[in-house]
PDB file of N, CA and C in Angstrom:
ATOM      1  N   UNK A   1     -20.033  -2.048 -16.517  1.00  0.00           N
ATOM      2  CA  UNK A   1     -19.355  -1.759 -15.271  1.00  0.00           C
ATOM      3  C   UNK A   1     -18.913  -3.053 -14.592  1.00  0.00           C
ATOM      4  N   UNK A   2     -19.754  -4.063 -14.620  1.00  0.00           N
ATOM      5  CA  UNK A   2     -19.394  -5.328 -13.970  1.00  0.00           C
ATOM      6  C   UNK A   2     -18.146  -5.936 -14.607  1.00  0.00           C
ATOM      7  N   UNK A   3     -18.056  -5.853 -15.925  1.00  0.00           N
ATOM      8  CA  UNK A   3     -16.887  -6.387 -16.618  1.00  0.00           C
ATOM      9  C   UNK A   3     -15.607  -5.673 -16.227  1.00  0.00           C
ATOM     10  N   UNK A   4     -15.679  -4.385 -16.031  1.00  0.00           N
ATOM     11  CA  UNK A   4     -14.497  -3.623 -15.627  1.00  0.00           C
ATOM     12  C   UNK A   4     -14.053  -3.992 -14.224  1.00  0.00           C
ATOM     13  N   UNK A   5     -15.023  -4.148 -13.327  1.00  0.00           N
ATOM     14  CA  UNK A   5     -14.689  -4.535 -11.959  1.00  0.00           C
ATOM     15  C   UNK A   5     -14.061  -5.924 -11.943  1.00  0.00           C
ATOM     16  N   UNK A   6     -14.626  -6.851 -12.695  1.00  0.00           N
ATOM     17  CA  UNK A   6     -14.069  -8.206 -12.748  1.00  0.00           C
ATOM     18  C   UNK A   6     -12.669  -8.205 -13.367  1.00  0.00           C
ATOM     19  N   UNK A   7     -12.442  -7.333 -14.343  1.00  0.00           N
ATOM     20  CA  UNK A   7     -11.121  -7.248 -14.956  1.00  0.00           C
ATOM     21  C   UNK A   7     -10.083  -6.747 -13.960  1.00  0.00           C
ATOM     22  N   UNK A   8     -10.433  -5.764 -13.163  1.00  0.00           N
ATOM     23  CA  UNK A   8      -9.512  -5.254 -12.151  1.00  0.00           C
ATOM     24  C   UNK A   8      -9.239  -6.330 -11.103  1.00  0.00           C
ATOM     25  N   UNK A   9     -10.288  -7.029 -10.689  1.00  0.00           N
ATOM     26  CA  UNK A   9     -10.121  -8.093  -9.692  1.00  0.00           C
ATOM     27  C   UNK A   9      -9.202  -9.194 -10.216  1.00  0.00           C
ATOM     28  N   UNK A  10      -9.402  -9.590 -11.455  1.00  0.00           N
ATOM     29  CA  UNK A  10      -8.573 -10.631 -12.049  1.00  0.00           C
ATOM     30  C   UNK A  10      -7.128 -10.162 -12.220  1.00  0.00           C
ATOM     31  N   UNK A  11      -6.954  -8.916 -12.604  1.00  0.00           N
ATOM     32  CA  UNK A  11      -5.598  -8.385 -12.769  1.00  0.00           C
ATOM     33  C   UNK A  11      -4.850  -8.360 -11.436  1.00  0.00           C
ATOM     34  N   UNK A  12      -5.539  -8.037 -10.364  1.00  0.00           N
ATOM     35  CA  UNK A  12      -4.902  -8.021  -9.044  1.00  0.00           C
ATOM     36  C   UNK A  12      -4.568  -9.440  -8.613  1.00  0.00           C
ATOM     37  N   UNK A  13      -5.497 -10.369  -8.829  1.00  0.00           N
ATOM     38  CA  UNK A  13      -5.263 -11.756  -8.405  1.00  0.00           C
ATOM     39  C   UNK A  13      -4.108 -12.385  -9.181  1.00  0.00           C
ATOM     40  N   UNK A  14      -4.078 -12.191 -10.483  1.00  0.00           N
ATOM     41  CA  UNK A  14      -3.018 -12.786 -11.282  1.00  0.00           C
ATOM     42  C   UNK A  14      -1.716 -11.995 -11.189  1.00  0.00           C
ATOM     43  N   UNK A  15      -1.811 -10.717 -10.942  1.00  0.00           N
ATOM     44  CA  UNK A  15      -0.610  -9.896 -10.827  1.00  0.00           C
ATOM     45  C   UNK A  15       0.125 -10.097  -9.514  1.00  0.00           C
ATOM     46  N   UNK A  16      -0.586 -10.528  -8.485  1.00  0.00           N
ATOM     47  CA  UNK A  16       0.054 -10.754  -7.196  1.00  0.00           C
ATOM     48  C   UNK A  16       0.773 -12.081  -7.098  1.00  0.00           C
ATOM     49  N   UNK A  17       0.465 -13.001  -7.988  1.00  0.00           N
ATOM     50  CA  UNK A  17       1.066 -14.335  -7.932  1.00  0.00           C
ATOM     51  C   UNK A  17       2.583 -14.314  -8.101  1.00  0.00           C
ATOM     52  N   UNK A  18       3.151 -13.591  -9.056  1.00  0.00           N
ATOM     53  CA  UNK A  18       4.620 -13.596  -9.177  1.00  0.00           C
ATOM     54  C   UNK A  18       5.344 -13.012  -7.962  1.00  0.00           C
ATOM     55  N   UNK A  19       4.658 -12.206  -7.187  1.00  0.00           N
ATOM     56  CA  UNK A  19       5.273 -11.635  -5.991  1.00  0.00           C
ATOM     57  C   UNK A  19       5.071 -12.559  -4.795  1.00  0.00           C
ATOM     58  N   UNK A  20       3.851 -13.040  -4.618  1.00  0.00           N
ATOM     59  CA  UNK A  20       3.532 -13.824  -3.433  1.00  0.00           C
ATOM     60  C   UNK A  20       3.991 -15.266  -3.472  1.00  0.00           C
ATOM     61  N   UNK A  21       4.002 -15.884  -4.638  1.00  0.00           N
ATOM     62  CA  UNK A  21       4.347 -17.305  -4.732  1.00  0.00           C
ATOM     63  C   UNK A  21       5.769 -17.611  -4.264  1.00  0.00           C
ATOM     64  N   UNK A  22       6.783 -16.843  -4.673  1.00  0.00           N
ATOM     65  CA  UNK A  22       8.126 -17.143  -4.157  1.00  0.00           C
ATOM     66  C   UNK A  22       8.246 -16.936  -2.645  1.00  0.00           C
ATOM     67  N   UNK A  23       7.547 -15.952  -2.116  1.00  0.00           N
ATOM     68  CA  UNK A  23       7.606 -15.710  -0.675  1.00  0.00           C
ATOM     69  C   UNK A  23       6.974 -16.872   0.080  1.00  0.00           C
ATOM     70  N   UNK A  24       5.788 -17.296  -0.359  1.00  0.00           N
ATOM     71  CA  UNK A  24       5.110 -18.412   0.299  1.00  0.00           C
ATOM     72  C   UNK A  24       5.900 -19.702   0.100  1.00  0.00           C
ATOM     73  N   UNK A  25       6.519 -19.882  -1.057  1.00  0.00           N
ATOM     74  CA  UNK A  25       7.357 -21.051  -1.286  1.00  0.00           C
ATOM     75  C   UNK A  25       8.550 -21.096  -0.362  1.00  0.00           C
ATOM     76  N   UNK A  26       9.181 -19.962  -0.146  1.00  0.00           N
ATOM     77  CA  UNK A  26      10.311 -19.910   0.776  1.00  0.00           C
ATOM     78  C   UNK A  26       9.864 -20.219   2.204  1.00  0.00           C
ATOM     79  N   UNK A  27       8.716 -19.655   2.598  1.00  0.00           N
ATOM     80  CA  UNK A  27       8.195 -19.926   3.937  1.00  0.00           C
ATOM     81  C   UNK A  27       7.894 -21.420   4.087  1.00  0.00           C
ATOM     82  N   UNK A  28       7.334 -22.039   3.062  1.00  0.00           N
ATOM     83  CA  UNK A  28       7.029 -23.470   3.117  1.00  0.00           C
ATOM     84  C   UNK A  28       8.306 -24.295   3.219  1.00  0.00           C
ATOM     85  N   UNK A  29       9.349 -23.892   2.527  1.00  0.00           N
ATOM     86  CA  UNK A  29      10.634 -24.604   2.612  1.00  0.00           C
ATOM     87  C   UNK A  29      11.263 -24.490   3.995  1.00  0.00           C
ATOM     88  N   UNK A  30      11.218 -23.310   4.547  1.00  0.00           N
ATOM     89  CA  UNK A  30      11.898 -23.057   5.815  1.00  0.00           C
ATOM     90  C   UNK A  30      11.095 -23.519   7.034  1.00  0.00           C
ATOM     91  N   UNK A  31       9.793 -23.298   7.016  1.00  0.00           N
ATOM     92  CA  UNK A  31       8.986 -23.506   8.221  1.00  0.00           C
ATOM     93  C   UNK A  31       7.897 -24.565   8.075  1.00  0.00           C
ATOM     94  N   UNK A  32       7.599 -24.996   6.862  1.00  0.00           N
ATOM     95  CA  UNK A  32       6.586 -26.024   6.655  1.00  0.00           C
ATOM     96  C   UNK A  32       5.310 -25.470   6.042  1.00  0.00           C
ATOM     97  N   UNK A  33       4.451 -26.373   5.577  1.00  0.00           N
ATOM     98  CA  UNK A  33       3.243 -25.939   4.873  1.00  0.00           C
ATOM     99  C   UNK A  33       2.222 -25.227   5.753  1.00  0.00           C
ATOM    100  N   UNK A  34       2.183 -25.533   7.031  1.00  0.00           N
ATOM    101  CA  UNK A  34       1.220 -24.843   7.902  1.00  0.00           C
ATOM    102  C   UNK A  34       1.516 -23.356   7.985  1.00  0.00           C
ATOM    103  N   UNK A  35       2.786 -23.031   8.109  1.00  0.00           N
ATOM    104  CA  UNK A  35       3.168 -21.617   8.147  1.00  0.00           C
ATOM    105  C   UNK A  35       2.882 -20.932   6.820  1.00  0.00           C
ATOM    106  N   UNK A  36       3.101 -21.647   5.717  1.00  0.00           N
ATOM    107  CA  UNK A  36       2.839 -21.062   4.400  1.00  0.00           C
ATOM    108  C   UNK A  36       1.354 -20.745   4.241  1.00  0.00           C
ATOM    109  N   UNK A  37       0.496 -21.664   4.672  1.00  0.00           N
ATOM    110  CA  UNK A  37      -0.942 -21.396   4.617  1.00  0.00           C
ATOM    111  C   UNK A  37      -1.326 -20.236   5.534  1.00  0.00           C
ATOM    112  N   UNK A  38      -0.671 -20.167   6.682  1.00  0.00           N
ATOM    113  CA  UNK A  38      -0.933 -19.061   7.604  1.00  0.00           C
ATOM    114  C   UNK A  38      -0.541 -17.717   7.020  1.00  0.00           C
ATOM    115  N   UNK A  39       0.598 -17.678   6.338  1.00  0.00           N
ATOM    116  CA  UNK A  39       1.038 -16.431   5.692  1.00  0.00           C
ATOM    117  C   UNK A  39       0.063 -16.031   4.593  1.00  0.00           C
ATOM    118  N   UNK A  40      -0.382 -17.015   3.812  1.00  0.00           N
ATOM    119  CA  UNK A  40      -1.365 -16.725   2.764  1.00  0.00           C
ATOM    120  C   UNK A  40      -2.669 -16.198   3.339  1.00  0.00           C
ATOM    121  N   UNK A  41      -3.135 -16.812   4.417  1.00  0.00           N
ATOM    122  CA  UNK A  41      -4.371 -16.353   5.059  1.00  0.00           C
ATOM    123  C   UNK A  41      -4.199 -14.962   5.655  1.00  0.00           C
ATOM    124  N   UNK A  42      -3.056 -14.724   6.279  1.00  0.00           N
ATOM    125  CA  UNK A  42      -2.805 -13.406   6.879  1.00  0.00           C
ATOM    126  C   UNK A  42      -2.767 -12.311   5.817  1.00  0.00           C
ATOM    127  N   UNK A  43      -2.187 -12.611   4.655  1.00  0.00           N
ATOM    128  CA  UNK A  43      -2.158 -11.599   3.597  1.00  0.00           C
ATOM    129  C   UNK A  43      -3.560 -11.324   3.065  1.00  0.00           C
ATOM    130  N   UNK A  44      -4.388 -12.343   3.012  1.00  0.00           N
ATOM    131  CA  UNK A  44      -5.782 -12.130   2.597  1.00  0.00           C
ATOM    132  C   UNK A  44      -6.550 -11.273   3.579  1.00  0.00           C
ATOM    133  N   UNK A  45      -6.371 -11.555   4.872  1.00  0.00           N
ATOM    134  CA  UNK A  45      -7.025 -10.741   5.891  1.00  0.00           C
ATOM    135  C   UNK A  45      -6.507  -9.305   5.867  1.00  0.00           C
ATOM    136  N   UNK A  46      -5.218  -9.138   5.643  1.00  0.00           N
ATOM    137  CA  UNK A  46      -4.645  -7.789   5.569  1.00  0.00           C
ATOM    138  C   UNK A  46      -5.237  -7.019   4.389  1.00  0.00           C
ATOM    139  N   UNK A  47      -5.390  -7.690   3.257  1.00  0.00           N
ATOM    140  CA  UNK A  47      -5.992  -7.032   2.093  1.00  0.00           C
ATOM    141  C   UNK A  47      -7.443  -6.657   2.372  1.00  0.00           C
ATOM    142  N   UNK A  48      -8.166  -7.515   3.070  1.00  0.00           N
ATOM    143  CA  UNK A  48      -9.564  -7.210   3.409  1.00  0.00           C
ATOM    144  C   UNK A  48      -9.652  -6.014   4.345  1.00  0.00           C
ATOM    145  N   UNK A  49      -8.751  -5.933   5.305  1.00  0.00           N
ATOM    146  CA  UNK A  49      -8.753  -4.799   6.230  1.00  0.00           C
ATOM    147  C   UNK A  49      -8.445  -3.502   5.501  1.00  0.00           C
ATOM    148  N   UNK A  50      -7.479  -3.542   4.590  1.00  0.00           N
ATOM    149  CA  UNK A  50      -7.163  -2.347   3.797  1.00  0.00           C
ATOM    150  C   UNK A  50      -8.367  -1.923   2.967  1.00  0.00           C
ATOM    151  N   UNK A  51      -9.054  -2.889   2.359  1.00  0.00           N
ATOM    152  CA  UNK A  51     -10.229  -2.570   1.549  1.00  0.00           C
ATOM    153  C   UNK A  51     -11.346  -1.976   2.401  1.00  0.00           C
ATOM    154  N   UNK A  52     -11.563  -2.516   3.592  1.00  0.00           N
ATOM    155  CA  UNK A  52     -12.602  -1.990   4.485  1.00  0.00           C
ATOM    156  C   UNK A  52     -12.259  -0.568   4.913  1.00  0.00           C
ATOM    157  N   UNK A  53     -11.001  -0.348   5.275  1.00  0.00           N
ATOM    158  CA  UNK A  53     -10.597   1.013   5.671  1.00  0.00           C
ATOM    159  C   UNK A  53     -10.746   1.991   4.522  1.00  0.00           C
ATOM    160  N   UNK A  54     -10.473   1.538   3.314  1.00  0.00           N
ATOM    161  CA  UNK A  54     -10.618   2.401   2.135  1.00  0.00           C
ATOM    162  C   UNK A  54     -12.081   2.738   1.899  1.00  0.00           C
ATOM    163  N   UNK A  55     -12.961   1.764   2.066  1.00  0.00           N
ATOM    164  CA  UNK A  55     -14.388   2.005   1.827  1.00  0.00           C
ATOM    165  C   UNK A  55     -15.022   2.865   2.919  1.00  0.00           C
ATOM    166  N   UNK A  56     -14.535   2.757   4.137  1.00  0.00           N
ATOM    167  CA  UNK A  56     -15.093   3.530   5.243  1.00  0.00           C
ATOM    168  C   UNK A  56     -14.680   4.990   5.147  1.00  0.00           C
ATOM    169  N   UNK A  57     -13.438   5.234   4.789  1.00  0.00           N
ATOM    170  CA  UNK A  57     -12.932   6.615   4.751  1.00  0.00           C
ATOM    171  C   UNK A  57     -13.399   7.390   3.556  1.00  0.00           C
TER     172      UNK A  57
END
């Protein structure tokens, strides 16, 4: 079971890179690296909130 959970986690982490990297790169080009880090952090917090809401319901 642990291996399956880790496989899903890895697939999500590596699968999100082709979508998120160009967006964060564009933000870094237009607004600077601080904004890019902020967008990355905000997306992480958003994912955590979605996961918490899913586990609670």
